[in-house]
Amino acid sequence: MTNKVDLHSALAAIISAPVLQDVPLRKYTTWKIGGRADYMVFPASEEELAALLKLLHEENIPWLVIGNGSNLLVGDKGVRGVVIKMGEQFSFTQWRENSVTAGAGKMLPDLGLEAAERSLAGLEFTAGIPGSLGGAVRMNAGAYGSSIGEYVTKIEVVEFSGRRRVLNAAEITFAYRNSSLFDIDAVVCRVSLLLFAGSREQSLEEINRLLRQRSLNQPLEFPSCGSVFRNPANDHAGRLIELANLRGMQIGGAAVSKKHGNFIINLGGARAKDVRDLISEVQQRVYEYSGIKLEPEVKMVGEFD
């Protein structure tokens, strides 16, 4: 399979939704940055996803899975091959007593709010996190001392070969902004979580408190990816960046937020190169100031200048 016509036909034979070509990925990332994808597809079911992955694997076609496009920096020259968008069809929830099984495309704040409305506690920390569940469990997303991995009971994946597989919690290792899911050749489809009984009023009050706190402390008025750097042991990346006097530092259309040091914002028209160069400059200056090398938690994909 060597040309676009052949690949488009093969994708269209598997995917029920329209197959998009030459897609500007800035429309699908929270940073609003990124070049074009050769193709973008929206699988409507796990069966379609399995058939798609099997095709791409067998034909050695490069591909990328995205959810909400947070924690993702797409290169200015775009992404070759196929971008798989885990969207609406993977945004379901199935509730049973204190547990829920949700699709990989489910937005974290929506899941936390649904839990609160059912008087289930534990996911209040997801308020305002701009990510979807599939990516969140892979990187063990968290905030305010809590993380999603604490609540996982099992994860259902589709392997690159197209085989479906269930991983129990005991088979998965979660760490700070990391998990063993990065070590397996599979795409997360659905996640089961066990929560605990709580108070609807208290959970909703906590969610509202966290949203107010975010609006005060984070630059929500600008496109960003959320936190750019992992917190080093016993410290906070934002604090180190601010102590190095880097708030407001700007390269092209990208700038370190004056409101929160661990946010790099798109002031308008920022390029991926601007952000990547700014990340490198922040790393260098923080290292010179403190001797600590900050590690990005944002994932860089695609082709850069």
C-alpha atoms as a PDB file:
ATOM      1  CA  MET A   1       0.000   0.000   0.000  1.00  0.00           C
ATOM      2  CA  THR A   2       2.064   2.894  -1.261  1.00  0.00           C
ATOM      3  CA  ASN A   3      -0.207   5.751  -2.281  1.00  0.00           C
ATOM      4  CA  LYS A   4      -2.868   7.972  -0.758  1.00  0.00           C
ATOM      5  CA  VAL A   5      -5.663   6.604  -2.897  1.00  0.00           C
ATOM      6  CA  ASP A   6      -5.002   3.035  -1.744  1.00  0.00           C
ATOM      7  CA  LEU A   7      -4.739   4.046   1.913  1.00  0.00           C
ATOM      8  CA  HIS A   8      -7.864   6.197   1.791  1.00  0.00           C
ATOM      9  CA  SER A   9      -9.828   3.331   0.286  1.00  0.00           C
ATOM     10  CA  ALA A  10      -8.523   0.881   2.867  1.00  0.00           C
ATOM     11  CA  LEU A  11      -9.397   3.222   5.737  1.00  0.00           C
ATOM     12  CA  ALA A  12     -12.857   3.937   4.329  1.00  0.00           C
ATOM     13  CA  ALA A  13     -13.534   0.206   4.130  1.00  0.00           C
ATOM     14  CA  ILE A  14     -12.983  -0.070   7.899  1.00  0.00           C
ATOM     15  CA  ILE A  15     -14.167   3.240   9.362  1.00  0.00           C
ATOM     16  CA  SER A  16     -17.849   4.154   9.100  1.00  0.00           C
ATOM     17  CA  ALA A  17     -17.273   7.891   9.667  1.00  0.00           C
ATOM     18  CA  PRO A  18     -15.725  10.001   6.885  1.00  0.00           C
ATOM     19  CA  VAL A  19     -11.957   9.670   6.493  1.00  0.00           C
ATOM     20  CA  LEU A  20     -10.408  13.156   6.632  1.00  0.00           C
ATOM     21  CA  GLN A  21      -7.285  14.157   4.693  1.00  0.00           C
ATOM     22  CA  ASP A  22      -4.754  16.945   5.197  1.00  0.00           C
ATOM     23  CA  VAL A  23      -6.192  17.858   8.611  1.00  0.00           C
ATOM     24  CA  PRO A  24      -4.850  20.894  10.572  1.00  0.00           C
ATOM     25  CA  LEU A  25      -4.098  19.399  13.983  1.00  0.00           C
ATOM     26  CA  ARG A  26      -4.106  22.767  15.735  1.00  0.00           C
ATOM     27  CA  LYS A  27      -7.883  22.354  15.790  1.00  0.00           C
ATOM     28  CA  TYR A  28      -7.502  19.197  17.859  1.00  0.00           C
ATOM     29  CA  THR A  29      -4.967  20.283  20.507  1.00  0.00           C
ATOM     30  CA  THR A  30      -5.519  22.434  23.577  1.00  0.00           C
ATOM     31  CA  TRP A  31      -2.417  24.459  22.687  1.00  0.00           C
ATOM     32  CA  LYS A  32      -4.015  25.274  19.311  1.00  0.00           C
ATOM     33  CA  ILE A  33      -0.669  24.470  17.682  1.00  0.00           C
ATOM     34  CA  GLY A  34       0.350  21.876  15.118  1.00  0.00           C
ATOM     35  CA  GLY A  35       0.798  21.089  11.454  1.00  0.00           C
ATOM     36  CA  ARG A  36      -1.366  18.843   9.317  1.00  0.00           C
ATOM     37  CA  ALA A  37      -2.058  15.131   9.518  1.00  0.00           C
ATOM     38  CA  ASP A  38      -2.109  13.086   6.338  1.00  0.00           C
ATOM     39  CA  TYR A  39      -5.291  11.355   7.534  1.00  0.00           C
ATOM     40  CA  MET A  40      -7.580  11.495  10.540  1.00  0.00           C
ATOM     41  CA  VAL A  41     -10.133   8.823  11.407  1.00  0.00           C
ATOM     42  CA  PHE A  42     -12.800   8.514  14.089  1.00  0.00           C
ATOM     43  CA  PRO A  43     -13.421   4.848  15.000  1.00  0.00           C
ATOM     44  CA  ALA A  44     -17.033   4.267  16.025  1.00  0.00           C
ATOM     45  CA  SER A  45     -16.386   1.074  18.012  1.00  0.00           C
ATOM     46  CA  GLU A  46     -13.712  -1.165  19.449  1.00  0.00           C
ATOM     47  CA  GLU A  47     -14.256  -3.466  16.476  1.00  0.00           C
ATOM     48  CA  GLU A  48     -13.421  -0.665  14.054  1.00  0.00           C
ATOM     49  CA  LEU A  49     -10.395   0.290  16.146  1.00  0.00           C
ATOM     50  CA  ALA A  50      -9.150  -3.305  16.189  1.00  0.00           C
ATOM     51  CA  ALA A  51      -9.481  -3.655  12.405  1.00  0.00           C
ATOM     52  CA  LEU A  52      -7.795  -0.286  11.917  1.00  0.00           C
ATOM     53  CA  LEU A  53      -4.809  -1.101  14.134  1.00  0.00           C
ATOM     54  CA  LYS A  54      -4.407  -4.459  12.429  1.00  0.00           C
ATOM     55  CA  LEU A  55      -4.287  -2.761   9.017  1.00  0.00           C
ATOM     56  CA  LEU A  56      -1.809  -0.099  10.120  1.00  0.00           C
ATOM     57  CA  HIS A  57       0.392  -2.671  11.846  1.00  0.00           C
ATOM     58  CA  GLU A  58       0.466  -5.067   8.908  1.00  0.00           C
ATOM     59  CA  GLU A  59       1.107  -2.315   6.353  1.00  0.00           C
ATOM     60  CA  ASN A  60       3.702  -0.576   8.566  1.00  0.00           C
ATOM     61  CA  ILE A  61       1.845   2.739   8.353  1.00  0.00           C
ATOM     62  CA  PRO A  62       2.732   5.302  11.058  1.00  0.00           C
ATOM     63  CA  TRP A  63      -0.101   6.409  13.306  1.00  0.00           C
ATOM     64  CA  LEU A  64      -0.920   8.411  16.415  1.00  0.00           C
ATOM     65  CA  VAL A  65      -3.827   8.198  18.875  1.00  0.00           C
ATOM     66  CA  ILE A  66      -5.184  11.389  20.423  1.00  0.00           C
ATOM     67  CA  GLY A  67      -7.963  12.184  22.821  1.00  0.00           C
ATOM     68  CA  ASN A  68      -8.557  15.812  23.752  1.00  0.00           C
ATOM     69  CA  GLY A  69      -5.096  16.808  22.513  1.00  0.00           C
ATOM     70  CA  SER A  70      -3.879  18.061  25.892  1.00  0.00           C
ATOM     71  CA  ASN A  71      -0.270  17.465  26.980  1.00  0.00           C
ATOM     72  CA  LEU A  72       0.544  17.216  23.292  1.00  0.00           C
ATOM     73  CA  LEU A  73       2.851  19.378  21.190  1.00  0.00           C
ATOM     74  CA  VAL A  74       2.437  18.628  17.479  1.00  0.00           C
ATOM     75  CA  GLY A  75       5.299  19.653  15.207  1.00  0.00           C
ATOM     76  CA  ASP A  76       4.803  22.455  12.680  1.00  0.00           C
ATOM     77  CA  LYS A  77       5.337  20.062   9.764  1.00  0.00           C
ATOM     78  CA  GLY A  78       2.553  17.826  10.993  1.00  0.00           C
ATOM     79  CA  VAL A  79       2.098  14.092  11.413  1.00  0.00           C
ATOM     80  CA  ARG A  80       2.642  11.505   8.720  1.00  0.00           C
ATOM     81  CA  GLY A  81       0.306   8.570   8.376  1.00  0.00           C
ATOM     82  CA  VAL A  82      -2.944   8.327  10.315  1.00  0.00           C
ATOM     83  CA  VAL A  83      -4.186  10.167  13.408  1.00  0.00           C
ATOM     84  CA  ILE A  84      -6.797   8.193  15.331  1.00  0.00           C
ATOM     85  CA  LYS A  85      -9.171  10.416  17.276  1.00  0.00           C
ATOM     86  CA  MET A  86     -10.863   8.757  20.260  1.00  0.00           C
ATOM     87  CA  GLY A  87     -13.981  10.853  20.245  1.00  0.00           C
ATOM     88  CA  GLU A  88     -17.686  10.735  20.958  1.00  0.00           C
ATOM     89  CA  GLN A  89     -18.153   6.983  20.470  1.00  0.00           C
ATOM     90  CA  PHE A  90     -15.571   6.367  23.201  1.00  0.00           C
ATOM     91  CA  SER A  91     -17.090   8.845  25.658  1.00  0.00           C
ATOM     92  CA  PHE A  92     -19.632   6.518  27.287  1.00  0.00           C
ATOM     93  CA  THR A  93     -20.055   5.711  30.980  1.00  0.00           C
ATOM     94  CA  GLN A  94     -21.593   2.605  32.534  1.00  0.00           C
ATOM     95  CA  TRP A  95     -22.347   3.017  36.243  1.00  0.00           C
ATOM     96  CA  ARG A  96     -22.942   0.194  38.719  1.00  0.00           C
ATOM     97  CA  GLU A  97     -23.086   0.914  42.450  1.00  0.00           C
ATOM     98  CA  ASN A  98     -19.650   2.361  43.373  1.00  0.00           C
ATOM     99  CA  SER A  99     -17.953   1.495  40.088  1.00  0.00           C
ATOM    100  CA  VAL A 100     -17.892   2.908  36.592  1.00  0.00           C
ATOM    101  CA  THR A 101     -16.587   1.726  33.239  1.00  0.00           C
ATOM    102  CA  ALA A 102     -15.891   4.611  30.891  1.00  0.00           C
ATOM    103  CA  GLY A 103     -14.592   4.982  27.357  1.00  0.00           C
ATOM    104  CA  ALA A 104     -11.094   6.271  26.675  1.00  0.00           C
ATOM    105  CA  GLY A 105     -12.519   9.429  25.099  1.00  0.00           C
ATOM    106  CA  LYS A 106     -14.454  10.470  28.218  1.00  0.00           C
ATOM    107  CA  MET A 107     -13.344  13.873  29.462  1.00  0.00           C
ATOM    108  CA  LEU A 108     -11.998  13.750  33.018  1.00  0.00           C
ATOM    109  CA  PRO A 109     -13.972  16.730  34.391  1.00  0.00           C
ATOM    110  CA  ASP A 110     -17.213  15.265  33.003  1.00  0.00           C
ATOM    111  CA  LEU A 111     -16.470  11.911  34.639  1.00  0.00           C
ATOM    112  CA  GLY A 112     -15.731  13.564  37.979  1.00  0.00           C
ATOM    113  CA  LEU A 113     -18.934  15.578  37.810  1.00  0.00           C
ATOM    114  CA  GLU A 114     -21.028  12.512  36.949  1.00  0.00           C
ATOM    115  CA  ALA A 115     -19.524  10.694  39.933  1.00  0.00           C
ATOM    116  CA  ALA A 116     -20.327  13.603  42.250  1.00  0.00           C
ATOM    117  CA  GLU A 117     -23.915  13.734  41.018  1.00  0.00           C
ATOM    118  CA  ARG A 118     -24.193  10.048  42.008  1.00  0.00           C
ATOM    119  CA  SER A 119     -22.773  10.750  45.485  1.00  0.00           C
ATOM    120  CA  LEU A 120     -19.541   8.961  44.636  1.00  0.00           C
ATOM    121  CA  ALA A 121     -16.307  10.522  45.832  1.00  0.00           C
ATOM    122  CA  GLY A 122     -12.680  10.346  44.756  1.00  0.00           C
ATOM    123  CA  LEU A 123     -12.611  12.084  41.395  1.00  0.00           C
ATOM    124  CA  GLU A 124     -13.113  15.662  42.545  1.00  0.00           C
ATOM    125  CA  PHE A 125      -9.465  16.378  41.663  1.00  0.00           C
ATOM    126  CA  THR A 126     -10.305  15.946  37.954  1.00  0.00           C
ATOM    127  CA  ALA A 127     -12.132  19.288  37.920  1.00  0.00           C
ATOM    128  CA  GLY A 128     -10.588  21.406  35.202  1.00  0.00           C
ATOM    129  CA  ILE A 129      -8.034  18.843  33.957  1.00  0.00           C
ATOM    130  CA  PRO A 130      -8.289  19.206  30.159  1.00  0.00           C
ATOM    131  CA  GLY A 131      -7.686  15.574  29.279  1.00  0.00           C
ATOM    132  CA  SER A 132      -9.542  12.422  28.324  1.00  0.00           C
ATOM    133  CA  LEU A 133      -9.526   9.191  30.295  1.00  0.00           C
ATOM    134  CA  GLY A 134      -7.381   7.071  27.963  1.00  0.00           C
ATOM    135  CA  GLY A 135      -4.451   9.439  28.005  1.00  0.00           C
ATOM    136  CA  ALA A 136      -4.997  10.174  31.682  1.00  0.00           C
ATOM    137  CA  VAL A 137      -4.510   6.570  32.792  1.00  0.00           C
ATOM    138  CA  ARG A 138      -1.434   6.139  30.586  1.00  0.00           C
ATOM    139  CA  MET A 139       0.309   9.088  32.236  1.00  0.00           C
ATOM    140  CA  ASN A 140      -1.457   8.631  35.603  1.00  0.00           C
ATOM    141  CA  ALA A 141      -2.809  12.167  35.506  1.00  0.00           C
ATOM    142  CA  GLY A 142      -3.493  13.818  38.805  1.00  0.00           C
ATOM    143  CA  ALA A 143      -3.727  16.986  40.854  1.00  0.00           C
ATOM    144  CA  TYR A 144      -3.871  18.100  44.461  1.00  0.00           C
ATOM    145  CA  GLY A 145      -2.254  14.917  45.756  1.00  0.00           C
ATOM    146  CA  SER A 146      -4.555  12.471  43.946  1.00  0.00           C
ATOM    147  CA  SER A 147      -4.129  10.544  40.688  1.00  0.00           C
ATOM    148  CA  ILE A 148      -6.380   8.474  38.456  1.00  0.00           C
ATOM    149  CA  GLY A 149      -4.382   5.260  38.884  1.00  0.00           C
ATOM    150  CA  GLU A 150      -5.511   4.992  42.513  1.00  0.00           C
ATOM    151  CA  TYR A 151      -9.017   4.102  41.349  1.00  0.00           C
ATOM    152  CA  VAL A 152      -8.339   1.782  38.406  1.00  0.00           C
ATOM    153  CA  THR A 153      -9.572  -1.812  38.698  1.00  0.00           C
ATOM    154  CA  LYS A 154      -9.060  -2.877  35.083  1.00  0.00           C
ATOM    155  CA  ILE A 155      -8.280  -1.499  31.661  1.00  0.00           C
ATOM    156  CA  GLU A 156      -9.412  -2.905  28.327  1.00  0.00           C
ATOM    157  CA  VAL A 157      -7.036  -2.381  25.429  1.00  0.00           C
ATOM    158  CA  VAL A 158      -6.669  -3.256  21.770  1.00  0.00           C
ATOM    159  CA  GLU A 159      -3.193  -4.469  20.877  1.00  0.00           C
ATOM    160  CA  PHE A 160      -1.480  -3.179  17.754  1.00  0.00           C
ATOM    161  CA  SER A 161      -2.145  -6.580  16.182  1.00  0.00           C
ATOM    162  CA  GLY A 162      -5.894  -5.991  16.646  1.00  0.00           C
ATOM    163  CA  ARG A 163      -6.283  -8.439  19.554  1.00  0.00           C
ATOM    164  CA  ARG A 164      -8.405  -7.237  22.472  1.00  0.00           C
ATOM    165  CA  ARG A 165      -7.071  -7.733  25.974  1.00  0.00           C
ATOM    166  CA  VAL A 166      -8.039  -6.987  29.592  1.00  0.00           C
ATOM    167  CA  LEU A 167      -5.457  -5.813  32.133  1.00  0.00           C
ATOM    168  CA  ASN A 168      -6.318  -6.054  35.822  1.00  0.00           C
ATOM    169  CA  ALA A 169      -5.010  -3.451  38.252  1.00  0.00           C
ATOM    170  CA  ALA A 170      -2.403  -5.902  39.584  1.00  0.00           C
ATOM    171  CA  GLU A 171      -0.866  -6.066  36.078  1.00  0.00           C
ATOM    172  CA  ILE A 172      -0.403  -2.288  35.845  1.00  0.00           C
ATOM    173  CA  THR A 173       2.192  -0.195  37.642  1.00  0.00           C
ATOM    174  CA  PHE A 174       1.333   3.440  38.268  1.00  0.00           C
ATOM    175  CA  ALA A 175       3.918   6.052  39.194  1.00  0.00           C
ATOM    176  CA  TYR A 176       4.083   9.832  39.261  1.00  0.00           C
ATOM    177  CA  ARG A 177       2.908  10.958  35.786  1.00  0.00           C
ATOM    178  CA  ASN A 178       3.775   7.545  34.384  1.00  0.00           C
ATOM    179  CA  SER A 179       2.554   3.974  34.111  1.00  0.00           C
ATOM    180  CA  SER A 180       3.539   0.608  32.685  1.00  0.00           C
ATOM    181  CA  LEU A 181       0.911   1.158  29.968  1.00  0.00           C
ATOM    182  CA  PHE A 182       3.640   2.958  28.011  1.00  0.00           C
ATOM    183  CA  ASP A 183       5.480  -0.364  27.821  1.00  0.00           C
ATOM    184  CA  ILE A 184       2.771  -2.330  26.025  1.00  0.00           C
ATOM    185  CA  ASP A 185       1.862  -2.153  22.339  1.00  0.00           C
ATOM    186  CA  ALA A 186      -1.813  -1.383  22.803  1.00  0.00           C
ATOM    187  CA  VAL A 187      -4.398   1.393  22.773  1.00  0.00           C
ATOM    188  CA  VAL A 188      -6.616   1.978  25.818  1.00  0.00           C
ATOM    189  CA  CYS A 189     -10.324   1.585  24.972  1.00  0.00           C
ATOM    190  CA  ARG A 190     -12.149   1.556  28.290  1.00  0.00           C
ATOM    191  CA  VAL A 191     -11.282   1.925  31.944  1.00  0.00           C
ATOM    192  CA  SER A 192     -13.018   0.589  35.049  1.00  0.00           C
ATOM    193  CA  LEU A 193     -12.757   2.555  38.290  1.00  0.00           C
ATOM    194  CA  LEU A 194     -13.865   1.851  41.849  1.00  0.00           C
ATOM    195  CA  LEU A 195     -14.941   4.914  43.816  1.00  0.00           C
ATOM    196  CA  PHE A 196     -16.372   5.253  47.304  1.00  0.00           C
ATOM    197  CA  ALA A 197     -19.646   6.477  48.718  1.00  0.00           C
ATOM    198  CA  GLY A 198     -19.710  10.138  49.531  1.00  0.00           C
ATOM    199  CA  SER A 199     -21.911  13.207  49.719  1.00  0.00           C
ATOM    200  CA  ARG A 200     -23.212  14.794  46.530  1.00  0.00           C
ATOM    201  CA  GLU A 201     -23.221  18.243  48.143  1.00  0.00           C
ATOM    202  CA  GLN A 202     -19.690  17.939  49.518  1.00  0.00           C
ATOM    203  CA  SER A 203     -18.272  16.612  46.259  1.00  0.00           C
ATOM    204  CA  LEU A 204     -19.909  19.350  44.179  1.00  0.00           C
ATOM    205  CA  GLU A 205     -18.693  21.960  46.656  1.00  0.00           C
ATOM    206  CA  GLU A 206     -15.129  20.609  46.366  1.00  0.00           C
ATOM    207  CA  ILE A 207     -15.319  20.607  42.560  1.00  0.00           C
ATOM    208  CA  ASN A 208     -16.464  24.225  42.558  1.00  0.00           C
ATOM    209  CA  ARG A 209     -13.700  25.154  45.005  1.00  0.00           C
ATOM    210  CA  LEU A 210     -11.040  23.584  42.795  1.00  0.00           C
ATOM    211  CA  LEU A 211     -12.436  25.292  39.691  1.00  0.00           C
ATOM    212  CA  ARG A 212     -12.309  28.660  41.476  1.00  0.00           C
ATOM    213  CA  GLN A 213      -8.745  27.945  42.566  1.00  0.00           C
ATOM    214  CA  ARG A 214      -7.724  27.061  39.011  1.00  0.00           C
ATOM    215  CA  SER A 215      -9.268  30.237  37.623  1.00  0.00           C
ATOM    216  CA  LEU A 216      -7.277  32.297  40.123  1.00  0.00           C
ATOM    217  CA  ASN A 217      -3.946  30.487  39.719  1.00  0.00           C
ATOM    218  CA  GLN A 218      -3.874  29.295  36.106  1.00  0.00           C
ATOM    219  CA  PRO A 219      -3.953  31.217  32.793  1.00  0.00           C
ATOM    220  CA  LEU A 220      -7.195  29.702  31.543  1.00  0.00           C
ATOM    221  CA  GLU A 221      -7.762  32.616  29.178  1.00  0.00           C
ATOM    222  CA  PHE A 222      -4.957  31.378  26.882  1.00  0.00           C
ATOM    223  CA  PRO A 223      -4.483  28.078  25.042  1.00  0.00           C
ATOM    224  CA  SER A 224      -2.056  25.807  26.880  1.00  0.00           C
ATOM    225  CA  CYS A 225      -1.386  22.140  27.553  1.00  0.00           C
ATOM    226  CA  GLY A 226      -1.717  22.429  31.308  1.00  0.00           C
ATOM    227  CA  SER A 227       1.458  21.823  33.297  1.00  0.00           C
ATOM    228  CA  VAL A 228       4.507  21.519  31.030  1.00  0.00           C
ATOM    229  CA  PHE A 229       7.043  20.013  33.444  1.00  0.00           C
ATOM    230  CA  ARG A 230       6.921  17.204  35.978  1.00  0.00           C
ATOM    231  CA  ASN A 231       7.419  18.301  39.550  1.00  0.00           C
ATOM    232  CA  PRO A 232      10.865  17.247  40.790  1.00  0.00           C
ATOM    233  CA  ALA A 233      11.076  15.308  44.052  1.00  0.00           C
ATOM    234  CA  ASN A 234       9.978  17.394  47.036  1.00  0.00           C
ATOM    235  CA  ASP A 235       9.535  20.546  44.974  1.00  0.00           C
ATOM    236  CA  HIS A 236       7.338  22.187  42.342  1.00  0.00           C
ATOM    237  CA  ALA A 237       8.410  23.018  38.804  1.00  0.00           C
ATOM    238  CA  GLY A 238       6.380  26.227  38.828  1.00  0.00           C
ATOM    239  CA  ARG A 239       8.152  27.453  41.958  1.00  0.00           C
ATOM    240  CA  LEU A 240      11.603  26.821  40.456  1.00  0.00           C
ATOM    241  CA  ILE A 241      10.650  28.576  37.221  1.00  0.00           C
ATOM    242  CA  GLU A 242       9.365  31.587  39.111  1.00  0.00           C
ATOM    243  CA  LEU A 243      12.468  31.725  41.376  1.00  0.00           C
ATOM    244  CA  ALA A 244      14.585  31.766  38.204  1.00  0.00           C
ATOM    245  CA  ASN A 245      12.619  34.890  37.217  1.00  0.00           C
ATOM    246  CA  LEU A 246      11.232  33.319  34.027  1.00  0.00           C
ATOM    247  CA  ARG A 247       7.575  34.342  34.249  1.00  0.00           C
ATOM    248  CA  GLY A 248       6.676  36.267  31.096  1.00  0.00           C
ATOM    249  CA  MET A 249       9.672  34.983  29.147  1.00  0.00           C
ATOM    250  CA  GLN A 250       8.662  34.784  25.477  1.00  0.00           C
ATOM    251  CA  ILE A 251       9.853  33.174  22.267  1.00  0.00           C
ATOM    252  CA  GLY A 252       7.735  33.987  19.229  1.00  0.00           C
ATOM    253  CA  GLY A 253       4.084  33.561  20.133  1.00  0.00           C
ATOM    254  CA  ALA A 254       4.792  31.335  23.153  1.00  0.00           C
ATOM    255  CA  ALA A 255       5.344  32.632  26.668  1.00  0.00           C
ATOM    256  CA  VAL A 256       5.794  31.408  30.209  1.00  0.00           C
ATOM    257  CA  SER A 257       2.628  32.476  31.977  1.00  0.00           C
ATOM    258  CA  LYS A 258       2.916  35.381  34.399  1.00  0.00           C
ATOM    259  CA  LYS A 259       0.200  33.699  36.438  1.00  0.00           C
ATOM    260  CA  HIS A 260       1.736  30.228  36.822  1.00  0.00           C
ATOM    261  CA  GLY A 261       5.336  29.354  36.004  1.00  0.00           C
ATOM    262  CA  ASN A 262       4.590  25.806  34.870  1.00  0.00           C
ATOM    263  CA  PHE A 263       2.278  26.938  32.070  1.00  0.00           C
ATOM    264  CA  ILE A 264       3.484  27.888  28.614  1.00  0.00           C
ATOM    265  CA  ILE A 265       0.735  29.761  26.802  1.00  0.00           C
ATOM    266  CA  ASN A 266      -0.049  30.479  23.175  1.00  0.00           C
ATOM    267  CA  LEU A 267      -0.359  34.253  22.957  1.00  0.00           C
ATOM    268  CA  GLY A 268      -1.604  33.909  19.395  1.00  0.00           C
ATOM    269  CA  GLY A 269       0.041  32.345  16.383  1.00  0.00           C
ATOM    270  CA  ALA A 270       2.631  30.426  18.389  1.00  0.00           C
ATOM    271  CA  ARG A 271       4.475  27.718  16.483  1.00  0.00           C
ATOM    272  CA  ALA A 272       5.540  24.358  17.865  1.00  0.00           C
ATOM    273  CA  LYS A 273       9.152  25.450  17.413  1.00  0.00           C
ATOM    274  CA  ASP A 274       8.505  28.472  19.657  1.00  0.00           C
ATOM    275  CA  VAL A 275       7.204  26.216  22.411  1.00  0.00           C
ATOM    276  CA  ARG A 276       9.961  23.629  22.035  1.00  0.00           C
ATOM    277  CA  ASP A 277      12.651  26.324  22.127  1.00  0.00           C
ATOM    278  CA  LEU A 278      11.031  27.938  25.154  1.00  0.00           C
ATOM    279  CA  ILE A 279      10.909  24.591  26.966  1.00  0.00           C
ATOM    280  CA  SER A 280      14.635  24.124  26.319  1.00  0.00           C
ATOM    281  CA  GLU A 281      15.452  27.648  27.477  1.00  0.00           C
ATOM    282  CA  VAL A 282      13.451  27.206  30.689  1.00  0.00           C
ATOM    283  CA  GLN A 283      15.203  23.900  31.372  1.00  0.00           C
ATOM    284  CA  GLN A 284      18.616  25.491  30.888  1.00  0.00           C
ATOM    285  CA  ARG A 285      17.935  28.548  33.036  1.00  0.00           C
ATOM    286  CA  VAL A 286      16.334  26.585  35.874  1.00  0.00           C
ATOM    287  CA  TYR A 287      19.317  24.223  35.837  1.00  0.00           C
ATOM    288  CA  GLU A 288      21.734  27.155  36.004  1.00  0.00           C
ATOM    289  CA  TYR A 289      19.755  28.634  38.890  1.00  0.00           C
ATOM    290  CA  SER A 290      19.032  25.532  40.949  1.00  0.00           C
ATOM    291  CA  GLY A 291      21.004  22.587  39.585  1.00  0.00           C
ATOM    292  CA  ILE A 292      17.721  20.789  38.861  1.00  0.00           C
ATOM    293  CA  LYS A 293      16.919  19.570  35.344  1.00  0.00           C
ATOM    294  CA  LEU A 294      13.187  19.855  34.759  1.00  0.00           C
ATOM    295  CA  GLU A 295      11.633  17.015  32.762  1.00  0.00           C
ATOM    296  CA  PRO A 296       8.731  17.817  30.412  1.00  0.00           C
ATOM    297  CA  GLU A 297       5.543  15.846  30.848  1.00  0.00           C
ATOM    298  CA  VAL A 298       4.231  17.120  27.519  1.00  0.00           C
ATOM    299  CA  LYS A 299       4.614  14.682  24.632  1.00  0.00           C
ATOM    300  CA  MET A 300       6.174  16.013  21.425  1.00  0.00           C
ATOM    301  CA  VAL A 301       4.953  14.310  18.241  1.00  0.00           C
ATOM    302  CA  GLY A 302       5.223  14.790  14.506  1.00  0.00           C
ATOM    303  CA  GLU A 303       7.781  16.625  12.431  1.00  0.00           C
ATOM    304  CA  PHE A 304       9.430  19.848  13.623  1.00  0.00           C
ATOM    305  CA  ASP A 305      11.377  22.466  11.666  1.00  0.00           C
END
